[in-house]
């Protein structure tokens, strides 16, 4: 993850925190500020959760992050749990899937009083001088992309709006494989 990585039995609580403008899968020249894409499967621009990690975000902002594959804001997998309240996900870019959040393999998200808006999948910004560049066809989940036995509980007052994907389906929320949304 560009901002941080939580794994194993890690428990992270962030209140009033900004997780902004982080990159995963890019190399930055500190002299010239030039950004170069790194080959490989690098996920979670804001952060990456794996292996039963638990993260709680309260009145936080996750914005302007980018991953060169999945989960521009957050990538979560392998029985992780994310609890979100009063948090905004905006302007994140997943070059492949999941602009704001990508989760898979028994991951669970509980969300309330939060907004997921203006996130992109299938685009890149970091290696194009900050301008959005069309990266690939058929991407889904500009806001959220989920797969493989996952659960999303969207409680009260959650807004998913104005997210973008290069496919005609699933710009806000794309659900694949077995999973549930309540």
N, C-alpha and C. Protein backbone atom coordinates (compact mmCIF):
# COMPACT_ATOMS: atom_id res chain seq x y z
N UNK A 1 0.81 -1.19 0.00
CA UNK A 1 0.00 0.00 0.00
C UNK A 1 0.85 1.25 0.00
N UNK A 2 0.37 2.26 -0.72
CA UNK A 2 1.10 3.51 -0.82
C UNK A 2 1.20 4.26 0.50
N UNK A 3 0.07 4.36 1.24
CA UNK A 3 0.07 5.07 2.53
C UNK A 3 0.51 4.17 3.67
N UNK A 4 -0.13 2.99 3.80
CA UNK A 4 0.29 2.01 4.80
C UNK A 4 -0.22 0.64 4.42
N UNK A 5 0.31 -0.37 5.09
CA UNK A 5 -0.05 -1.76 4.86
C UNK A 5 -0.39 -2.39 6.20
N UNK A 6 -1.58 -2.98 6.31
CA UNK A 6 -1.99 -3.67 7.55
C UNK A 6 -2.20 -5.14 7.22
N UNK A 7 -1.59 -6.01 8.02
CA UNK A 7 -1.65 -7.44 7.74
C UNK A 7 -1.75 -8.25 9.02
N UNK A 8 -2.07 -9.53 8.86
CA UNK A 8 -2.17 -10.42 10.02
C UNK A 8 -3.27 -9.96 10.96
N UNK A 9 -3.00 -9.95 12.25
CA UNK A 9 -3.99 -9.53 13.25
C UNK A 9 -3.96 -8.04 13.53
N UNK A 10 -3.40 -7.24 12.63
CA UNK A 10 -3.28 -5.80 12.85
C UNK A 10 -4.66 -5.16 13.02
N UNK A 11 -4.74 -4.22 13.94
CA UNK A 11 -5.96 -3.44 14.15
C UNK A 11 -5.55 -1.96 14.11
N UNK A 12 -6.12 -1.22 13.15
CA UNK A 12 -5.78 0.18 12.97
C UNK A 12 -7.05 1.00 13.14
N UNK A 13 -6.99 2.04 13.97
CA UNK A 13 -8.11 2.97 14.13
C UNK A 13 -7.60 4.36 13.77
N UNK A 14 -8.30 5.01 12.82
CA UNK A 14 -7.90 6.34 12.38
C UNK A 14 -9.09 7.28 12.50
N UNK A 15 -8.96 8.31 13.31
CA UNK A 15 -10.03 9.29 13.50
C UNK A 15 -9.54 10.66 13.06
N UNK A 16 -10.34 11.32 12.19
CA UNK A 16 -9.97 12.64 11.70
C UNK A 16 -8.69 12.63 10.87
N UNK A 17 -8.44 11.54 10.21
CA UNK A 17 -7.19 11.32 9.48
C UNK A 17 -7.36 11.58 7.99
N UNK A 18 -6.32 12.09 7.36
CA UNK A 18 -6.28 12.25 5.91
C UNK A 18 -5.31 11.24 5.34
N UNK A 19 -5.82 10.37 4.47
CA UNK A 19 -4.98 9.41 3.75
C UNK A 19 -5.05 9.87 2.30
N UNK A 20 -4.17 10.76 1.93
CA UNK A 20 -4.29 11.48 0.66
C UNK A 20 -3.00 11.44 -0.15
N UNK A 21 -3.19 11.38 -1.49
CA UNK A 21 -2.11 11.56 -2.47
C UNK A 21 -0.96 10.57 -2.33
N UNK A 22 -1.30 9.31 -2.08
CA UNK A 22 -0.30 8.25 -2.01
C UNK A 22 -0.32 7.44 -3.31
N UNK A 23 0.81 6.82 -3.64
CA UNK A 23 0.93 6.02 -4.85
C UNK A 23 1.41 4.62 -4.50
N UNK A 24 0.84 3.63 -5.19
CA UNK A 24 1.32 2.26 -5.09
C UNK A 24 1.59 1.77 -6.51
N UNK A 25 2.81 1.34 -6.76
CA UNK A 25 3.16 0.86 -8.09
C UNK A 25 3.79 1.91 -8.97
N UNK A 26 4.33 2.94 -8.36
CA UNK A 26 5.00 4.01 -9.10
C UNK A 26 6.30 4.36 -8.39
N UNK A 27 7.23 4.87 -9.17
CA UNK A 27 8.50 5.33 -8.63
C UNK A 27 8.59 6.83 -8.93
N UNK A 28 8.96 7.63 -7.95
CA UNK A 28 9.02 9.08 -8.14
C UNK A 28 10.46 9.57 -7.98
N UNK A 29 10.93 10.31 -8.98
CA UNK A 29 12.24 10.93 -8.92
C UNK A 29 12.12 12.19 -8.07
N UNK A 30 12.79 12.23 -6.94
CA UNK A 30 12.65 13.35 -6.01
C UNK A 30 13.30 14.63 -6.51
N UNK A 31 14.17 14.52 -7.49
CA UNK A 31 14.81 15.71 -8.05
C UNK A 31 13.92 16.40 -9.07
N UNK A 32 13.31 15.59 -9.96
CA UNK A 32 12.51 16.16 -11.05
C UNK A 32 11.01 16.04 -10.84
N UNK A 33 10.57 15.28 -9.85
CA UNK A 33 9.17 14.96 -9.59
C UNK A 33 8.55 14.08 -10.67
N UNK A 34 9.35 13.55 -11.58
CA UNK A 34 8.83 12.66 -12.62
C UNK A 34 8.38 11.34 -12.00
N UNK A 35 7.25 10.82 -12.46
CA UNK A 35 6.69 9.57 -11.93
C UNK A 35 6.73 8.52 -13.03
N UNK A 36 7.22 7.33 -12.67
CA UNK A 36 7.32 6.22 -13.61
C UNK A 36 6.55 5.03 -13.08
N UNK A 37 5.77 4.40 -13.94
CA UNK A 37 4.99 3.22 -13.58
C UNK A 37 5.94 2.03 -13.39
N UNK A 38 5.75 1.25 -12.31
CA UNK A 38 6.54 0.06 -12.03
C UNK A 38 5.74 -1.15 -12.48
N UNK A 39 6.38 -2.09 -13.16
CA UNK A 39 5.69 -3.32 -13.55
C UNK A 39 5.47 -4.19 -12.33
N UNK A 40 4.31 -4.80 -12.25
CA UNK A 40 3.99 -5.67 -11.14
C UNK A 40 2.58 -5.42 -10.64
N UNK A 41 2.14 -6.23 -9.75
CA UNK A 41 0.80 -6.17 -9.21
C UNK A 41 0.85 -5.42 -7.88
N UNK A 42 0.79 -4.11 -7.93
CA UNK A 42 0.91 -3.29 -6.74
C UNK A 42 -0.43 -2.63 -6.45
N UNK A 43 -0.98 -2.88 -5.29
CA UNK A 43 -2.36 -2.52 -4.96
C UNK A 43 -2.42 -1.55 -3.80
N UNK A 44 -3.61 -0.91 -3.66
CA UNK A 44 -3.89 -0.10 -2.50
C UNK A 44 -3.12 1.21 -2.45
N UNK A 45 -3.52 2.19 -3.27
CA UNK A 45 -2.84 3.48 -3.26
C UNK A 45 -2.84 4.14 -1.89
N UNK A 46 -4.01 4.21 -1.24
CA UNK A 46 -4.11 4.75 0.12
C UNK A 46 -3.57 3.77 1.13
N UNK A 47 -4.12 2.55 1.12
CA UNK A 47 -3.56 1.47 1.94
C UNK A 47 -4.05 0.12 1.47
N UNK A 48 -3.33 -0.93 1.91
CA UNK A 48 -3.61 -2.31 1.54
C UNK A 48 -3.80 -3.09 2.83
N UNK A 49 -4.90 -3.84 2.91
CA UNK A 49 -5.21 -4.68 4.06
C UNK A 49 -5.19 -6.14 3.62
N UNK A 50 -4.64 -7.00 4.45
CA UNK A 50 -4.58 -8.42 4.11
C UNK A 50 -4.55 -9.26 5.39
N UNK A 51 -4.92 -10.52 5.27
CA UNK A 51 -4.74 -11.49 6.35
C UNK A 51 -5.41 -11.15 7.67
N UNK A 52 -6.69 -10.92 7.69
CA UNK A 52 -7.51 -10.69 8.89
C UNK A 52 -7.27 -9.35 9.58
N UNK A 53 -6.66 -8.41 8.90
CA UNK A 53 -6.47 -7.07 9.48
C UNK A 53 -7.82 -6.38 9.62
N UNK A 54 -7.92 -5.49 10.61
CA UNK A 54 -9.14 -4.71 10.85
C UNK A 54 -8.78 -3.24 10.89
N UNK A 55 -9.49 -2.46 10.07
CA UNK A 55 -9.24 -1.02 10.02
C UNK A 55 -10.56 -0.30 10.25
N UNK A 56 -10.53 0.72 11.13
CA UNK A 56 -11.69 1.56 11.40
C UNK A 56 -11.33 2.99 11.03
N UNK A 57 -12.15 3.60 10.16
CA UNK A 57 -11.96 5.00 9.76
C UNK A 57 -13.16 5.80 10.24
N UNK A 58 -12.92 6.86 11.00
CA UNK A 58 -13.98 7.73 11.50
C UNK A 58 -13.63 9.17 11.14
N UNK A 59 -14.56 9.86 10.52
CA UNK A 59 -14.37 11.24 10.03
C UNK A 59 -13.01 11.40 9.35
N UNK A 60 -12.75 10.51 8.41
CA UNK A 60 -11.49 10.51 7.68
C UNK A 60 -11.72 10.92 6.23
N UNK A 61 -10.63 11.17 5.54
CA UNK A 61 -10.66 11.44 4.10
C UNK A 61 -9.65 10.53 3.43
N UNK A 62 -10.10 9.83 2.37
CA UNK A 62 -9.23 9.00 1.56
C UNK A 62 -9.35 9.58 0.15
N UNK A 63 -8.35 10.37 -0.27
CA UNK A 63 -8.50 11.06 -1.55
C UNK A 63 -7.18 11.20 -2.31
N UNK A 64 -7.31 11.24 -3.64
CA UNK A 64 -6.16 11.49 -4.50
C UNK A 64 -5.13 10.39 -4.53
N UNK A 65 -5.48 9.20 -4.09
CA UNK A 65 -4.54 8.07 -4.08
C UNK A 65 -4.65 7.31 -5.40
N UNK A 66 -3.59 6.57 -5.75
CA UNK A 66 -3.62 5.79 -6.98
C UNK A 66 -2.81 4.51 -6.83
N UNK A 67 -3.38 3.42 -7.38
CA UNK A 67 -2.69 2.13 -7.45
C UNK A 67 -2.59 1.71 -8.91
N UNK A 68 -1.47 1.12 -9.29
CA UNK A 68 -1.31 0.75 -10.70
C UNK A 68 -2.07 -0.52 -11.05
N UNK A 69 -2.77 -1.14 -10.12
CA UNK A 69 -3.66 -2.25 -10.45
C UNK A 69 -5.00 -2.05 -9.75
N UNK A 70 -5.16 -2.55 -8.52
CA UNK A 70 -6.46 -2.56 -7.84
C UNK A 70 -6.48 -1.65 -6.63
N UNK A 71 -7.67 -1.09 -6.37
CA UNK A 71 -7.89 -0.35 -5.14
C UNK A 71 -7.13 0.96 -5.04
N UNK A 72 -7.56 1.96 -5.80
CA UNK A 72 -6.90 3.26 -5.75
C UNK A 72 -6.86 3.84 -4.34
N UNK A 73 -7.99 3.78 -3.62
CA UNK A 73 -8.04 4.24 -2.24
C UNK A 73 -7.62 3.14 -1.28
N UNK A 74 -8.31 1.99 -1.36
CA UNK A 74 -8.05 0.87 -0.44
C UNK A 74 -8.14 -0.44 -1.21
N UNK A 75 -7.20 -1.33 -0.98
CA UNK A 75 -7.29 -2.71 -1.45
C UNK A 75 -7.38 -3.60 -0.22
N UNK A 76 -8.39 -4.45 -0.14
CA UNK A 76 -8.54 -5.35 1.01
C UNK A 76 -8.88 -6.75 0.53
N UNK A 77 -8.29 -7.75 1.21
CA UNK A 77 -8.51 -9.14 0.84
C UNK A 77 -8.15 -10.06 1.99
N UNK A 78 -8.53 -11.32 1.85
CA UNK A 78 -8.19 -12.37 2.83
C UNK A 78 -8.74 -12.10 4.23
N UNK A 79 -10.07 -12.07 4.34
CA UNK A 79 -10.77 -11.99 5.62
C UNK A 79 -10.51 -10.70 6.39
N UNK A 80 -10.31 -9.61 5.70
CA UNK A 80 -10.13 -8.31 6.35
C UNK A 80 -11.48 -7.68 6.64
N UNK A 81 -11.50 -6.71 7.54
CA UNK A 81 -12.73 -6.00 7.87
C UNK A 81 -12.44 -4.50 7.94
N UNK A 82 -13.27 -3.74 7.22
CA UNK A 82 -13.17 -2.28 7.20
C UNK A 82 -14.47 -1.71 7.73
N UNK A 83 -14.38 -0.86 8.76
CA UNK A 83 -15.54 -0.18 9.33
C UNK A 83 -15.34 1.31 9.10
N UNK A 84 -16.33 1.95 8.47
CA UNK A 84 -16.20 3.34 8.04
C UNK A 84 -17.39 4.15 8.52
N UNK A 85 -17.12 5.33 9.09
CA UNK A 85 -18.18 6.24 9.51
C UNK A 85 -17.74 7.68 9.25
N UNK A 86 -18.61 8.46 8.61
CA UNK A 86 -18.32 9.87 8.39
C UNK A 86 -17.09 10.12 7.55
N UNK A 87 -16.85 9.27 6.56
CA UNK A 87 -15.62 9.32 5.77
C UNK A 87 -15.93 9.59 4.30
N UNK A 88 -15.03 10.32 3.64
CA UNK A 88 -15.18 10.63 2.22
C UNK A 88 -14.07 9.95 1.43
N UNK A 89 -14.47 9.27 0.35
CA UNK A 89 -13.55 8.67 -0.62
C UNK A 89 -13.73 9.46 -1.91
N UNK A 90 -12.74 10.21 -2.34
CA UNK A 90 -12.89 11.06 -3.52
C UNK A 90 -11.60 11.16 -4.31
N UNK A 91 -11.73 11.13 -5.63
CA UNK A 91 -10.58 11.36 -6.50
C UNK A 91 -9.52 10.29 -6.48
N UNK A 92 -9.88 9.07 -6.09
CA UNK A 92 -8.93 7.96 -6.10
C UNK A 92 -8.98 7.28 -7.46
N UNK A 93 -7.86 6.66 -7.87
CA UNK A 93 -7.77 6.03 -9.18
C UNK A 93 -7.19 4.63 -9.04
N UNK A 94 -7.96 3.63 -9.51
CA UNK A 94 -7.46 2.26 -9.64
C UNK A 94 -7.23 2.03 -11.12
N UNK A 95 -5.98 1.87 -11.52
CA UNK A 95 -5.69 1.76 -12.94
C UNK A 95 -6.40 0.58 -13.57
N UNK A 96 -6.75 -0.42 -12.79
CA UNK A 96 -7.47 -1.58 -13.31
C UNK A 96 -8.89 -1.59 -12.75
N UNK A 97 -9.10 -2.07 -11.52
CA UNK A 97 -10.43 -2.14 -10.92
C UNK A 97 -10.43 -1.48 -9.54
N UNK A 98 -11.59 -0.97 -9.15
CA UNK A 98 -11.76 -0.43 -7.81
C UNK A 98 -11.11 0.92 -7.59
N UNK A 99 -11.74 1.97 -8.08
CA UNK A 99 -11.19 3.31 -7.91
C UNK A 99 -11.03 3.69 -6.45
N UNK A 100 -12.13 3.58 -5.67
CA UNK A 100 -12.06 3.92 -4.24
C UNK A 100 -11.68 2.70 -3.39
N UNK A 101 -12.42 1.59 -3.57
CA UNK A 101 -12.21 0.40 -2.73
C UNK A 101 -12.29 -0.86 -3.60
N UNK A 102 -11.35 -1.76 -3.43
CA UNK A 102 -11.43 -3.09 -4.04
C UNK A 102 -11.34 -4.10 -2.90
N UNK A 103 -12.28 -5.04 -2.84
CA UNK A 103 -12.17 -6.07 -1.81
C UNK A 103 -12.57 -7.42 -2.34
N UNK A 104 -11.93 -8.45 -1.76
CA UNK A 104 -12.11 -9.82 -2.25
C UNK A 104 -11.81 -10.82 -1.14
N UNK A 105 -12.19 -12.06 -1.39
CA UNK A 105 -11.86 -13.20 -0.56
C UNK A 105 -12.23 -12.99 0.90
N UNK A 106 -13.52 -13.06 1.17
CA UNK A 106 -14.08 -12.99 2.52
C UNK A 106 -13.84 -11.66 3.22
N UNK A 107 -13.70 -10.60 2.46
CA UNK A 107 -13.56 -9.27 3.05
C UNK A 107 -14.93 -8.71 3.42
N UNK A 108 -14.97 -7.85 4.42
CA UNK A 108 -16.23 -7.28 4.90
C UNK A 108 -16.09 -5.77 5.09
N UNK A 109 -17.08 -5.02 4.56
CA UNK A 109 -17.10 -3.58 4.71
C UNK A 109 -18.41 -3.17 5.38
N UNK A 110 -18.32 -2.37 6.43
CA UNK A 110 -19.49 -1.78 7.07
C UNK A 110 -19.32 -0.27 6.98
N UNK A 111 -20.35 0.42 6.46
CA UNK A 111 -20.20 1.83 6.18
C UNK A 111 -21.44 2.61 6.57
N UNK A 112 -21.25 3.80 7.14
CA UNK A 112 -22.37 4.69 7.45
C UNK A 112 -21.93 6.15 7.33
N UNK A 113 -22.90 7.00 7.00
CA UNK A 113 -22.67 8.45 6.92
C UNK A 113 -21.42 8.81 6.13
N UNK A 114 -21.25 8.19 4.98
CA UNK A 114 -20.03 8.37 4.19
C UNK A 114 -20.37 8.60 2.72
N UNK A 115 -19.37 9.09 1.97
CA UNK A 115 -19.55 9.39 0.55
C UNK A 115 -18.42 8.79 -0.26
N UNK A 116 -18.80 8.17 -1.38
CA UNK A 116 -17.85 7.64 -2.36
C UNK A 116 -18.17 8.34 -3.67
N UNK A 117 -17.33 9.30 -4.05
CA UNK A 117 -17.65 10.14 -5.20
C UNK A 117 -16.41 10.56 -5.97
N UNK A 118 -16.53 10.59 -7.30
CA UNK A 118 -15.46 11.10 -8.14
C UNK A 118 -14.23 10.23 -8.19
N UNK A 119 -14.40 8.90 -8.12
CA UNK A 119 -13.30 7.94 -8.20
C UNK A 119 -13.31 7.28 -9.58
N UNK A 120 -12.17 6.73 -10.00
CA UNK A 120 -12.02 6.22 -11.36
C UNK A 120 -11.37 4.84 -11.39
N UNK A 121 -11.86 3.97 -12.27
CA UNK A 121 -11.16 2.72 -12.58
C UNK A 121 -10.93 2.68 -14.09
N UNK A 122 -9.75 2.16 -14.47
CA UNK A 122 -9.39 2.09 -15.88
C UNK A 122 -8.65 3.31 -16.38
N UNK A 123 -8.25 4.17 -15.47
CA UNK A 123 -7.51 5.37 -15.82
C UNK A 123 -6.20 5.41 -15.04
N UNK A 124 -5.32 6.32 -15.42
CA UNK A 124 -4.09 6.57 -14.69
C UNK A 124 -3.90 8.07 -14.64
N UNK A 125 -3.30 8.55 -13.58
CA UNK A 125 -3.06 9.98 -13.45
C UNK A 125 -1.59 10.25 -13.10
N UNK A 126 -1.01 9.39 -12.30
CA UNK A 126 0.32 9.64 -11.74
C UNK A 126 1.40 9.79 -12.81
N UNK A 127 1.35 8.96 -13.84
CA UNK A 127 2.42 8.99 -14.84
C UNK A 127 2.04 9.85 -16.04
N UNK A 128 1.08 10.76 -15.85
CA UNK A 128 0.65 11.64 -16.93
C UNK A 128 0.55 13.09 -16.43
N UNK A 129 1.44 13.48 -15.57
CA UNK A 129 1.47 14.85 -15.09
C UNK A 129 0.24 15.27 -14.30
N UNK A 130 -0.47 14.31 -13.70
CA UNK A 130 -1.65 14.63 -12.90
C UNK A 130 -2.94 14.66 -13.67
N UNK A 131 -2.88 14.54 -15.00
CA UNK A 131 -4.10 14.51 -15.82
C UNK A 131 -4.56 13.07 -16.00
N UNK A 132 -5.87 12.85 -16.00
CA UNK A 132 -6.39 11.50 -16.19
C UNK A 132 -6.08 11.00 -17.60
N UNK A 133 -5.59 9.79 -17.67
CA UNK A 133 -5.25 9.14 -18.93
C UNK A 133 -6.03 7.83 -19.01
N UNK A 134 -6.75 7.61 -20.09
CA UNK A 134 -7.48 6.37 -20.30
C UNK A 134 -6.49 5.23 -20.37
N UNK A 135 -6.64 4.22 -19.50
CA UNK A 135 -5.65 3.15 -19.40
C UNK A 135 -6.10 1.87 -20.13
N UNK A 136 -7.34 1.40 -19.89
CA UNK A 136 -7.77 0.14 -20.50
C UNK A 136 -9.29 0.06 -20.57
N UNK A 137 -9.77 -0.74 -21.52
CA UNK A 137 -11.21 -0.97 -21.72
C UNK A 137 -11.75 -1.95 -20.70
N UNK A 138 -13.06 -1.86 -20.46
CA UNK A 138 -13.79 -2.87 -19.71
C UNK A 138 -13.56 -2.92 -18.22
N UNK A 139 -13.06 -1.88 -17.62
CA UNK A 139 -12.88 -1.90 -16.17
C UNK A 139 -14.19 -1.53 -15.48
N UNK A 140 -14.36 -2.01 -14.28
CA UNK A 140 -15.60 -1.79 -13.51
C UNK A 140 -15.25 -1.34 -12.10
N UNK A 141 -16.26 -0.87 -11.39
CA UNK A 141 -16.06 -0.51 -10.00
C UNK A 141 -15.30 0.78 -9.79
N UNK A 142 -15.74 1.85 -10.43
CA UNK A 142 -15.11 3.15 -10.20
C UNK A 142 -15.17 3.53 -8.73
N UNK A 143 -16.30 3.23 -8.07
CA UNK A 143 -16.43 3.45 -6.64
C UNK A 143 -15.95 2.24 -5.85
N UNK A 144 -16.64 1.10 -6.03
CA UNK A 144 -16.30 -0.13 -5.30
C UNK A 144 -16.31 -1.30 -6.28
N UNK A 145 -15.31 -2.16 -6.20
CA UNK A 145 -15.28 -3.41 -6.94
C UNK A 145 -15.09 -4.54 -5.94
N UNK A 146 -15.95 -5.56 -6.01
CA UNK A 146 -15.89 -6.65 -5.04
C UNK A 146 -15.99 -8.00 -5.74
N UNK A 147 -15.31 -9.00 -5.15
CA UNK A 147 -15.34 -10.36 -5.69
C UNK A 147 -15.04 -11.38 -4.59
N UNK A 148 -15.46 -12.60 -4.80
CA UNK A 148 -15.12 -13.77 -3.98
C UNK A 148 -15.58 -13.71 -2.52
N UNK A 149 -16.83 -14.05 -2.26
CA UNK A 149 -17.37 -14.20 -0.90
C UNK A 149 -17.16 -12.99 -0.02
N UNK A 150 -17.65 -11.89 -0.40
CA UNK A 150 -17.50 -10.63 0.32
C UNK A 150 -18.84 -10.18 0.84
N UNK A 151 -18.82 -9.24 1.77
CA UNK A 151 -20.05 -8.68 2.33
C UNK A 151 -19.91 -7.16 2.42
N UNK A 152 -20.91 -6.46 1.92
CA UNK A 152 -20.95 -5.01 2.07
C UNK A 152 -22.21 -4.67 2.82
N UNK A 153 -22.07 -3.96 3.92
CA UNK A 153 -23.23 -3.46 4.66
C UNK A 153 -23.21 -1.94 4.56
N UNK A 154 -24.08 -1.41 3.70
CA UNK A 154 -24.19 0.03 3.55
C UNK A 154 -25.33 0.47 4.44
N UNK A 155 -24.99 1.07 5.54
CA UNK A 155 -26.01 1.46 6.50
C UNK A 155 -26.65 2.77 6.08
N UNK A 156 -27.03 3.59 6.99
CA UNK A 156 -27.74 4.81 6.65
C UNK A 156 -26.83 5.92 6.14
N UNK A 157 -27.36 6.68 5.22
CA UNK A 157 -26.71 7.87 4.69
C UNK A 157 -25.35 7.62 4.04
N UNK A 158 -25.31 6.64 3.15
CA UNK A 158 -24.11 6.40 2.34
C UNK A 158 -24.44 6.80 0.91
N UNK A 159 -23.63 7.68 0.35
CA UNK A 159 -23.84 8.17 -1.01
C UNK A 159 -22.73 7.65 -1.91
N UNK A 160 -23.13 7.00 -3.01
CA UNK A 160 -22.20 6.55 -4.03
C UNK A 160 -22.62 7.24 -5.31
N UNK A 161 -21.82 8.23 -5.76
CA UNK A 161 -22.24 9.04 -6.90
C UNK A 161 -21.05 9.54 -7.71
N UNK A 162 -21.28 9.76 -8.99
CA UNK A 162 -20.29 10.37 -9.88
C UNK A 162 -18.94 9.66 -9.90
N UNK A 163 -18.97 8.33 -9.91
CA UNK A 163 -17.76 7.54 -10.07
C UNK A 163 -17.70 7.08 -11.53
N UNK A 164 -16.51 6.72 -12.01
CA UNK A 164 -16.34 6.43 -13.43
C UNK A 164 -15.57 5.13 -13.63
N UNK A 165 -16.02 4.35 -14.65
CA UNK A 165 -15.34 3.13 -15.07
C UNK A 165 -15.36 3.10 -16.59
N UNK A 166 -14.45 2.36 -17.21
CA UNK A 166 -14.40 2.31 -18.66
C UNK A 166 -15.36 1.29 -19.25
N UNK A 167 -16.10 0.58 -18.42
CA UNK A 167 -17.14 -0.34 -18.87
C UNK A 167 -18.49 0.36 -18.72
N UNK A 168 -19.48 -0.15 -19.43
CA UNK A 168 -20.82 0.44 -19.34
C UNK A 168 -21.56 0.02 -18.08
N UNK A 169 -20.98 -0.85 -17.27
CA UNK A 169 -21.65 -1.31 -16.05
C UNK A 169 -20.77 -1.08 -14.82
N UNK A 170 -21.40 -0.88 -13.69
CA UNK A 170 -20.70 -0.88 -12.41
C UNK A 170 -19.78 0.28 -12.13
N UNK A 171 -20.13 1.48 -12.57
CA UNK A 171 -19.27 2.63 -12.27
C UNK A 171 -19.27 2.94 -10.77
N UNK A 172 -20.42 2.82 -10.11
CA UNK A 172 -20.51 3.09 -8.68
C UNK A 172 -20.11 1.90 -7.83
N UNK A 173 -20.79 0.77 -8.06
CA UNK A 173 -20.54 -0.47 -7.31
C UNK A 173 -20.62 -1.62 -8.28
N UNK A 174 -19.59 -2.43 -8.37
CA UNK A 174 -19.62 -3.60 -9.22
C UNK A 174 -19.43 -4.83 -8.35
N UNK A 175 -20.33 -5.75 -8.49
CA UNK A 175 -20.32 -6.97 -7.68
C UNK A 175 -20.09 -8.16 -8.61
N UNK A 176 -19.09 -8.96 -8.32
CA UNK A 176 -18.86 -10.20 -9.08
C UNK A 176 -18.74 -11.37 -8.12
N UNK A 177 -18.98 -12.54 -8.61
CA UNK A 177 -18.88 -13.76 -7.81
C UNK A 177 -19.89 -13.73 -6.63
N UNK A 178 -19.72 -14.65 -5.71
CA UNK A 178 -20.63 -14.76 -4.55
C UNK A 178 -20.35 -13.64 -3.57
N UNK A 179 -21.39 -13.03 -3.09
CA UNK A 179 -21.24 -11.98 -2.10
C UNK A 179 -22.60 -11.39 -1.78
N UNK A 180 -22.65 -10.48 -0.81
CA UNK A 180 -23.93 -9.90 -0.45
C UNK A 180 -23.79 -8.41 -0.16
N UNK A 181 -24.85 -7.68 -0.51
CA UNK A 181 -24.94 -6.25 -0.22
C UNK A 181 -26.22 -6.04 0.56
N UNK A 182 -26.13 -5.39 1.72
CA UNK A 182 -27.34 -5.09 2.50
C UNK A 182 -27.41 -3.61 2.77
